[in-house]
């Protein structure tokens, strides 16, 4: 289930959009200002962000810049202005789509689904020599099965399902080992080291993000 961060300061519009998105089976996190959006984004993984430009505390452009420092998650901007220069500015900052308000909730939902479908195709387009079978909990490289421990596989999946997203060691520890795990952050580094060794020539898919943690990115 895709988790959507919906950032809109107009309460009525936000509630209506949330209702339409949830009817399509999405999980929706709400934020009514830029600071709340950045805080929620940093604490949880989101598949896509629907972001209004005119926000209190921190506007949409500033919020987008902060998101782009740690993630390349798809972003749809909502704005009451449709000038060409505004759109170009948004695309230069890394916007994936641009919706001028007023727009129908059905159109916004359709754009969300279209982007997520495209992202899913890109994620599934792993090189044929590197295959992850989530159902069987197996990984194959060059047709050979890789012998991963259960926790190494869980770690790989956690990173793989959050592509191009810088994840802190705390996030990884909580996501893979659980909030009630009492080990320290070195557990993450040890498992990443072991996982990289087993991935061989694909070890660079797990990238170290200096000062943060790790991210998963398919190398072309």
C-alpha atoms as a PDB file:
ATOM      1  CA  UNK A   1       0.000   0.000   0.000  1.00  0.00           C
ATOM      2  CA  UNK A   2       1.422   3.368  -1.041  1.00  0.00           C
ATOM      3  CA  UNK A   3       1.769   5.945   1.721  1.00  0.00           C
ATOM      4  CA  UNK A   4       0.991   9.479   0.546  1.00  0.00           C
ATOM      5  CA  UNK A   5       1.995  12.679   2.314  1.00  0.00           C
ATOM      6  CA  UNK A   6      -0.740  15.233   1.584  1.00  0.00           C
ATOM      7  CA  UNK A   7       0.322  18.800   2.394  1.00  0.00           C
ATOM      8  CA  UNK A   8      -2.482  21.359   2.087  1.00  0.00           C
ATOM      9  CA  UNK A   9      -3.461  24.160   4.475  1.00  0.00           C
ATOM     10  CA  UNK A  10      -7.088  24.364   3.314  1.00  0.00           C
ATOM     11  CA  UNK A  11      -8.783  21.938   5.698  1.00  0.00           C
ATOM     12  CA  UNK A  12     -11.797  21.205   3.535  1.00  0.00           C
ATOM     13  CA  UNK A  13      -9.769  20.501   0.395  1.00  0.00           C
ATOM     14  CA  UNK A  14      -7.286  18.352   2.333  1.00  0.00           C
ATOM     15  CA  UNK A  15     -10.081  16.274   3.862  1.00  0.00           C
ATOM     16  CA  UNK A  16     -11.777  15.778   0.497  1.00  0.00           C
ATOM     17  CA  UNK A  17      -8.531  14.739  -1.188  1.00  0.00           C
ATOM     18  CA  UNK A  18      -7.738  12.363   1.653  1.00  0.00           C
ATOM     19  CA  UNK A  19     -11.169  10.756   1.307  1.00  0.00           C
ATOM     20  CA  UNK A  20     -10.726  10.218  -2.447  1.00  0.00           C
ATOM     21  CA  UNK A  21      -7.207   8.820  -2.015  1.00  0.00           C
ATOM     22  CA  UNK A  22      -8.245   6.457   0.768  1.00  0.00           C
ATOM     23  CA  UNK A  23     -11.094   5.174  -1.403  1.00  0.00           C
ATOM     24  CA  UNK A  24      -8.400   4.085  -3.865  1.00  0.00           C
ATOM     25  CA  UNK A  25      -6.657   2.116  -1.117  1.00  0.00           C
ATOM     26  CA  UNK A  26      -3.882   4.591  -0.294  1.00  0.00           C
ATOM     27  CA  UNK A  27      -2.648   5.367   3.190  1.00  0.00           C
ATOM     28  CA  UNK A  28      -2.620   9.142   3.702  1.00  0.00           C
ATOM     29  CA  UNK A  29      -0.605  11.269   6.117  1.00  0.00           C
ATOM     30  CA  UNK A  30      -1.794  14.865   6.436  1.00  0.00           C
ATOM     31  CA  UNK A  31       0.124  18.068   7.055  1.00  0.00           C
ATOM     32  CA  UNK A  32      -1.292  21.593   7.117  1.00  0.00           C
ATOM     33  CA  UNK A  33       1.950  23.563   6.948  1.00  0.00           C
ATOM     34  CA  UNK A  34       5.488  23.187   5.625  1.00  0.00           C
ATOM     35  CA  UNK A  35       7.176  22.550   8.957  1.00  0.00           C
ATOM     36  CA  UNK A  36       4.747  19.749   9.817  1.00  0.00           C
ATOM     37  CA  UNK A  37       5.306  18.268   6.355  1.00  0.00           C
ATOM     38  CA  UNK A  38       9.093  18.181   6.749  1.00  0.00           C
ATOM     39  CA  UNK A  39       8.754  16.672  10.215  1.00  0.00           C
ATOM     40  CA  UNK A  40       6.407  13.909   9.045  1.00  0.00           C
ATOM     41  CA  UNK A  41       8.462  13.201   5.943  1.00  0.00           C
ATOM     42  CA  UNK A  42      11.643  12.780   7.996  1.00  0.00           C
ATOM     43  CA  UNK A  43       9.966  10.315  10.371  1.00  0.00           C
ATOM     44  CA  UNK A  44       8.250   7.986   7.922  1.00  0.00           C
ATOM     45  CA  UNK A  45       8.602   6.707   4.367  1.00  0.00           C
ATOM     46  CA  UNK A  46       6.188   8.112   1.782  1.00  0.00           C
ATOM     47  CA  UNK A  47       5.731   6.858  -1.771  1.00  0.00           C
ATOM     48  CA  UNK A  48       4.683  10.270  -3.086  1.00  0.00           C
ATOM     49  CA  UNK A  49       4.098  13.808  -1.804  1.00  0.00           C
ATOM     50  CA  UNK A  50       1.187  16.027  -2.857  1.00  0.00           C
ATOM     51  CA  UNK A  51       2.380  19.496  -1.906  1.00  0.00           C
ATOM     52  CA  UNK A  52       0.639  22.869  -2.002  1.00  0.00           C
ATOM     53  CA  UNK A  53       2.788  25.891  -2.833  1.00  0.00           C
ATOM     54  CA  UNK A  54       1.122  28.439  -0.540  1.00  0.00           C
ATOM     55  CA  UNK A  55       1.656  27.113   2.982  1.00  0.00           C
ATOM     56  CA  UNK A  56       2.096  28.740   6.402  1.00  0.00           C
ATOM     57  CA  UNK A  57       5.381  28.552   8.364  1.00  0.00           C
ATOM     58  CA  UNK A  58       7.331  27.155   5.384  1.00  0.00           C
ATOM     59  CA  UNK A  59       6.116  27.533   1.805  1.00  0.00           C
ATOM     60  CA  UNK A  60       5.942  24.692  -0.685  1.00  0.00           C
ATOM     61  CA  UNK A  61       9.180  25.575  -2.468  1.00  0.00           C
ATOM     62  CA  UNK A  62      11.152  25.611   0.785  1.00  0.00           C
ATOM     63  CA  UNK A  63       9.491  22.354   1.833  1.00  0.00           C
ATOM     64  CA  UNK A  64      10.377  20.778  -1.506  1.00  0.00           C
ATOM     65  CA  UNK A  65      14.014  21.850  -1.190  1.00  0.00           C
ATOM     66  CA  UNK A  66      14.192  20.214   2.240  1.00  0.00           C
ATOM     67  CA  UNK A  67      12.641  16.992   0.932  1.00  0.00           C
ATOM     68  CA  UNK A  68      15.049  16.919  -1.992  1.00  0.00           C
ATOM     69  CA  UNK A  69      18.010  17.035   0.390  1.00  0.00           C
ATOM     70  CA  UNK A  70      17.166  13.510   1.563  1.00  0.00           C
ATOM     71  CA  UNK A  71      14.959  11.920  -1.078  1.00  0.00           C
ATOM     72  CA  UNK A  72      13.972  11.794  -4.744  1.00  0.00           C
ATOM     73  CA  UNK A  73      10.420  10.723  -3.883  1.00  0.00           C
ATOM     74  CA  UNK A  74       7.881  11.866  -6.527  1.00  0.00           C
ATOM     75  CA  UNK A  75       6.254  15.228  -5.759  1.00  0.00           C
ATOM     76  CA  UNK A  76       3.076  16.717  -7.223  1.00  0.00           C
ATOM     77  CA  UNK A  77       2.764  20.465  -6.645  1.00  0.00           C
ATOM     78  CA  UNK A  78      -0.643  22.096  -6.148  1.00  0.00           C
ATOM     79  CA  UNK A  79      -0.839  25.793  -6.943  1.00  0.00           C
ATOM     80  CA  UNK A  80      -3.382  28.459  -7.704  1.00  0.00           C
ATOM     81  CA  UNK A  81      -0.995  29.943 -10.245  1.00  0.00           C
ATOM     82  CA  UNK A  82      -0.293  28.476 -13.658  1.00  0.00           C
ATOM     83  CA  UNK A  83       2.329  30.782 -15.088  1.00  0.00           C
ATOM     84  CA  UNK A  84       4.936  29.098 -17.272  1.00  0.00           C
ATOM     85  CA  UNK A  85       7.830  30.488 -15.222  1.00  0.00           C
ATOM     86  CA  UNK A  86       6.403  29.021 -12.021  1.00  0.00           C
ATOM     87  CA  UNK A  87       6.143  25.609 -13.659  1.00  0.00           C
ATOM     88  CA  UNK A  88       9.683  25.777 -15.004  1.00  0.00           C
ATOM     89  CA  UNK A  89      10.927  26.810 -11.544  1.00  0.00           C
ATOM     90  CA  UNK A  90       9.125  23.848 -10.021  1.00  0.00           C
ATOM     91  CA  UNK A  91      10.525  21.353 -12.499  1.00  0.00           C
ATOM     92  CA  UNK A  92      14.024  22.702 -11.901  1.00  0.00           C
ATOM     93  CA  UNK A  93      13.567  21.989  -8.184  1.00  0.00           C
ATOM     94  CA  UNK A  94      12.530  18.413  -8.931  1.00  0.00           C
ATOM     95  CA  UNK A  95       8.738  18.523  -9.244  1.00  0.00           C
ATOM     96  CA  UNK A  96       7.297  15.474 -11.051  1.00  0.00           C
ATOM     97  CA  UNK A  97       3.892  16.940 -11.875  1.00  0.00           C
ATOM     98  CA  UNK A  98       2.120  20.252 -11.538  1.00  0.00           C
ATOM     99  CA  UNK A  99      -1.635  20.720 -10.878  1.00  0.00           C
ATOM    100  CA  UNK A 100      -3.252  24.150 -11.050  1.00  0.00           C
ATOM    101  CA  UNK A 101      -6.104  24.693  -8.604  1.00  0.00           C
ATOM    102  CA  UNK A 102      -8.992  24.474  -8.713  1.00  0.00           C
ATOM    103  CA  UNK A 103      -8.633  20.877  -9.871  1.00  0.00           C
ATOM    104  CA  UNK A 104     -11.025  18.032  -9.270  1.00  0.00           C
ATOM    105  CA  UNK A 105     -10.032  15.425  -6.658  1.00  0.00           C
ATOM    106  CA  UNK A 106     -10.475  12.771  -9.349  1.00  0.00           C
ATOM    107  CA  UNK A 107      -7.822  14.443 -11.520  1.00  0.00           C
ATOM    108  CA  UNK A 108      -5.363  14.632  -8.638  1.00  0.00           C
ATOM    109  CA  UNK A 109      -5.982  10.976  -7.750  1.00  0.00           C
ATOM    110  CA  UNK A 110      -5.454  10.022 -11.406  1.00  0.00           C
ATOM    111  CA  UNK A 111      -2.130  11.882 -11.495  1.00  0.00           C
ATOM    112  CA  UNK A 112      -1.013  10.202  -8.261  1.00  0.00           C
ATOM    113  CA  UNK A 113      -1.841   6.776  -9.670  1.00  0.00           C
ATOM    114  CA  UNK A 114      -0.084   7.512 -12.966  1.00  0.00           C
ATOM    115  CA  UNK A 115       3.145   8.566 -11.253  1.00  0.00           C
ATOM    116  CA  UNK A 116       3.111   5.615  -8.862  1.00  0.00           C
ATOM    117  CA  UNK A 117       2.552   3.258 -11.786  1.00  0.00           C
ATOM    118  CA  UNK A 118       5.544   4.730 -13.610  1.00  0.00           C
ATOM    119  CA  UNK A 119       7.721   4.532 -10.499  1.00  0.00           C
ATOM    120  CA  UNK A 120       6.667   0.932  -9.934  1.00  0.00           C
ATOM    121  CA  UNK A 121       7.673  -0.008 -13.485  1.00  0.00           C
ATOM    122  CA  UNK A 122      11.054   1.648 -13.022  1.00  0.00           C
ATOM    123  CA  UNK A 123      11.612  -0.119  -9.712  1.00  0.00           C
ATOM    124  CA  UNK A 124      10.689  -3.478 -11.183  1.00  0.00           C
ATOM    125  CA  UNK A 125      13.016  -2.908 -14.111  1.00  0.00           C
ATOM    126  CA  UNK A 126      15.985  -4.231 -12.173  1.00  0.00           C
ATOM    127  CA  UNK A 127      18.756  -5.638 -14.266  1.00  0.00           C
ATOM    128  CA  UNK A 128      17.820  -9.165 -15.253  1.00  0.00           C
ATOM    129  CA  UNK A 129      20.939 -10.475 -13.557  1.00  0.00           C
ATOM    130  CA  UNK A 130      19.800  -9.177 -10.163  1.00  0.00           C
ATOM    131  CA  UNK A 131      16.397 -10.531  -9.115  1.00  0.00           C
ATOM    132  CA  UNK A 132      14.552 -10.166  -5.813  1.00  0.00           C
ATOM    133  CA  UNK A 133      11.718 -12.645  -5.279  1.00  0.00           C
ATOM    134  CA  UNK A 134       9.834 -11.206  -2.312  1.00  0.00           C
ATOM    135  CA  UNK A 135       7.252 -13.979  -2.205  1.00  0.00           C
ATOM    136  CA  UNK A 136       9.899 -16.704  -1.939  1.00  0.00           C
ATOM    137  CA  UNK A 137      12.235 -14.454   0.076  1.00  0.00           C
ATOM    138  CA  UNK A 138      15.087 -15.229  -2.305  1.00  0.00           C
ATOM    139  CA  UNK A 139      17.664 -13.215  -4.224  1.00  0.00           C
ATOM    140  CA  UNK A 140      19.361 -14.363  -7.428  1.00  0.00           C
ATOM    141  CA  UNK A 141      22.480 -12.898  -9.015  1.00  0.00           C
ATOM    142  CA  UNK A 142      23.508 -14.167 -12.445  1.00  0.00           C
ATOM    143  CA  UNK A 143      21.018 -16.984 -11.939  1.00  0.00           C
ATOM    144  CA  UNK A 144      22.643 -18.115  -8.694  1.00  0.00           C
ATOM    145  CA  UNK A 145      20.755 -17.964  -5.408  1.00  0.00           C
ATOM    146  CA  UNK A 146      22.350 -15.686  -2.809  1.00  0.00           C
ATOM    147  CA  UNK A 147      22.440 -17.151   0.686  1.00  0.00           C
ATOM    148  CA  UNK A 148      21.026 -14.383   2.878  1.00  0.00           C
ATOM    149  CA  UNK A 149      20.012 -14.633   6.511  1.00  0.00           C
ATOM    150  CA  UNK A 150      16.368 -13.703   7.268  1.00  0.00           C
ATOM    151  CA  UNK A 151      17.459 -10.369   8.719  1.00  0.00           C
ATOM    152  CA  UNK A 152      19.721  -9.593   5.752  1.00  0.00           C
ATOM    153  CA  UNK A 153      16.791 -10.219   3.423  1.00  0.00           C
ATOM    154  CA  UNK A 154      14.533  -7.986   5.546  1.00  0.00           C
ATOM    155  CA  UNK A 155      17.171  -5.257   5.414  1.00  0.00           C
ATOM    156  CA  UNK A 156      17.491  -5.543   1.639  1.00  0.00           C
ATOM    157  CA  UNK A 157      13.725  -5.331   1.169  1.00  0.00           C
ATOM    158  CA  UNK A 158      13.452  -2.356   3.525  1.00  0.00           C
ATOM    159  CA  UNK A 159      16.016  -0.441   1.471  1.00  0.00           C
ATOM    160  CA  UNK A 160      14.767  -1.700  -1.908  1.00  0.00           C
ATOM    161  CA  UNK A 161      11.180  -0.573  -1.234  1.00  0.00           C
ATOM    162  CA  UNK A 162      12.416   2.945  -0.453  1.00  0.00           C
ATOM    163  CA  UNK A 163      14.557   3.675  -3.525  1.00  0.00           C
ATOM    164  CA  UNK A 164      16.687   6.822  -3.654  1.00  0.00           C
ATOM    165  CA  UNK A 165      15.634   7.712  -0.107  1.00  0.00           C
ATOM    166  CA  UNK A 166      18.312   8.491   2.455  1.00  0.00           C
ATOM    167  CA  UNK A 167      17.414   6.455   5.542  1.00  0.00           C
ATOM    168  CA  UNK A 168      18.991   7.045   8.903  1.00  0.00           C
ATOM    169  CA  UNK A 169      20.380   4.178  10.949  1.00  0.00           C
ATOM    170  CA  UNK A 170      17.611   4.828  13.493  1.00  0.00           C
ATOM    171  CA  UNK A 171      14.936   4.477  10.802  1.00  0.00           C
ATOM    172  CA  UNK A 172      16.472   1.267   9.506  1.00  0.00           C
ATOM    173  CA  UNK A 173      16.883  -0.181  13.002  1.00  0.00           C
ATOM    174  CA  UNK A 174      13.259   0.565  13.864  1.00  0.00           C
ATOM    175  CA  UNK A 175      11.943  -0.591  10.484  1.00  0.00           C
ATOM    176  CA  UNK A 176      13.838  -3.870  10.291  1.00  0.00           C
ATOM    177  CA  UNK A 177      14.425  -4.845  13.909  1.00  0.00           C
ATOM    178  CA  UNK A 178      11.439  -3.105  15.492  1.00  0.00           C
ATOM    179  CA  UNK A 179      10.997  -0.368  18.070  1.00  0.00           C
ATOM    180  CA  UNK A 180      11.403  -2.802  20.948  1.00  0.00           C
ATOM    181  CA  UNK A 181      14.876  -3.888  19.818  1.00  0.00           C
ATOM    182  CA  UNK A 182      17.546  -2.861  22.313  1.00  0.00           C
ATOM    183  CA  UNK A 183      20.649  -3.261  20.135  1.00  0.00           C
ATOM    184  CA  UNK A 184      22.747  -0.298  19.030  1.00  0.00           C
ATOM    185  CA  UNK A 185      23.207   1.355  15.640  1.00  0.00           C
ATOM    186  CA  UNK A 186      26.313  -0.697  14.876  1.00  0.00           C
ATOM    187  CA  UNK A 187      23.946  -3.598  14.200  1.00  0.00           C
ATOM    188  CA  UNK A 188      22.814  -1.784  11.037  1.00  0.00           C
ATOM    189  CA  UNK A 189      26.376  -1.162   9.830  1.00  0.00           C
ATOM    190  CA  UNK A 190      27.351  -4.787  10.436  1.00  0.00           C
ATOM    191  CA  UNK A 191      24.390  -6.155   8.505  1.00  0.00           C
ATOM    192  CA  UNK A 192      24.896  -3.684   5.647  1.00  0.00           C
ATOM    193  CA  UNK A 193      28.550  -4.745   5.422  1.00  0.00           C
ATOM    194  CA  UNK A 194      27.600  -8.434   5.284  1.00  0.00           C
ATOM    195  CA  UNK A 195      24.818  -7.795   2.783  1.00  0.00           C
ATOM    196  CA  UNK A 196      27.102  -5.851   0.483  1.00  0.00           C
ATOM    197  CA  UNK A 197      29.658  -8.662   0.500  1.00  0.00           C
ATOM    198  CA  UNK A 198      26.988 -11.148  -0.558  1.00  0.00           C
ATOM    199  CA  UNK A 199      25.675  -8.882  -3.341  1.00  0.00           C
ATOM    200  CA  UNK A 200      29.092  -8.922  -4.997  1.00  0.00           C
ATOM    201  CA  UNK A 201      29.246  -6.657  -8.048  1.00  0.00           C
ATOM    202  CA  UNK A 202      25.855  -5.199  -7.053  1.00  0.00           C
ATOM    203  CA  UNK A 203      27.094  -4.077  -3.653  1.00  0.00           C
ATOM    204  CA  UNK A 204      27.001  -0.440  -4.796  1.00  0.00           C
ATOM    205  CA  UNK A 205      23.198  -0.592  -5.007  1.00  0.00           C
ATOM    206  CA  UNK A 206      23.398   0.087  -1.261  1.00  0.00           C
ATOM    207  CA  UNK A 207      24.942   3.521  -1.017  1.00  0.00           C
ATOM    208  CA  UNK A 208      26.321   5.160   2.115  1.00  0.00           C
ATOM    209  CA  UNK A 209      24.871   8.631   2.731  1.00  0.00           C
ATOM    210  CA  UNK A 210      27.453  10.502   4.747  1.00  0.00           C
ATOM    211  CA  UNK A 211      26.105  11.825   8.024  1.00  0.00           C
ATOM    212  CA  UNK A 212      22.756  10.071   7.545  1.00  0.00           C
ATOM    213  CA  UNK A 213      22.791   6.346   6.842  1.00  0.00           C
ATOM    214  CA  UNK A 214      22.082   4.405   3.658  1.00  0.00           C
ATOM    215  CA  UNK A 215      19.947   4.401   0.529  1.00  0.00           C
ATOM    216  CA  UNK A 216      19.179   1.924  -2.244  1.00  0.00           C
ATOM    217  CA  UNK A 217      19.712   3.017  -5.824  1.00  0.00           C
ATOM    218  CA  UNK A 218      20.008   0.928  -8.961  1.00  0.00           C
ATOM    219  CA  UNK A 219      23.191   1.842 -10.805  1.00  0.00           C
ATOM    220  CA  UNK A 220      22.894   2.158 -14.549  1.00  0.00           C
END
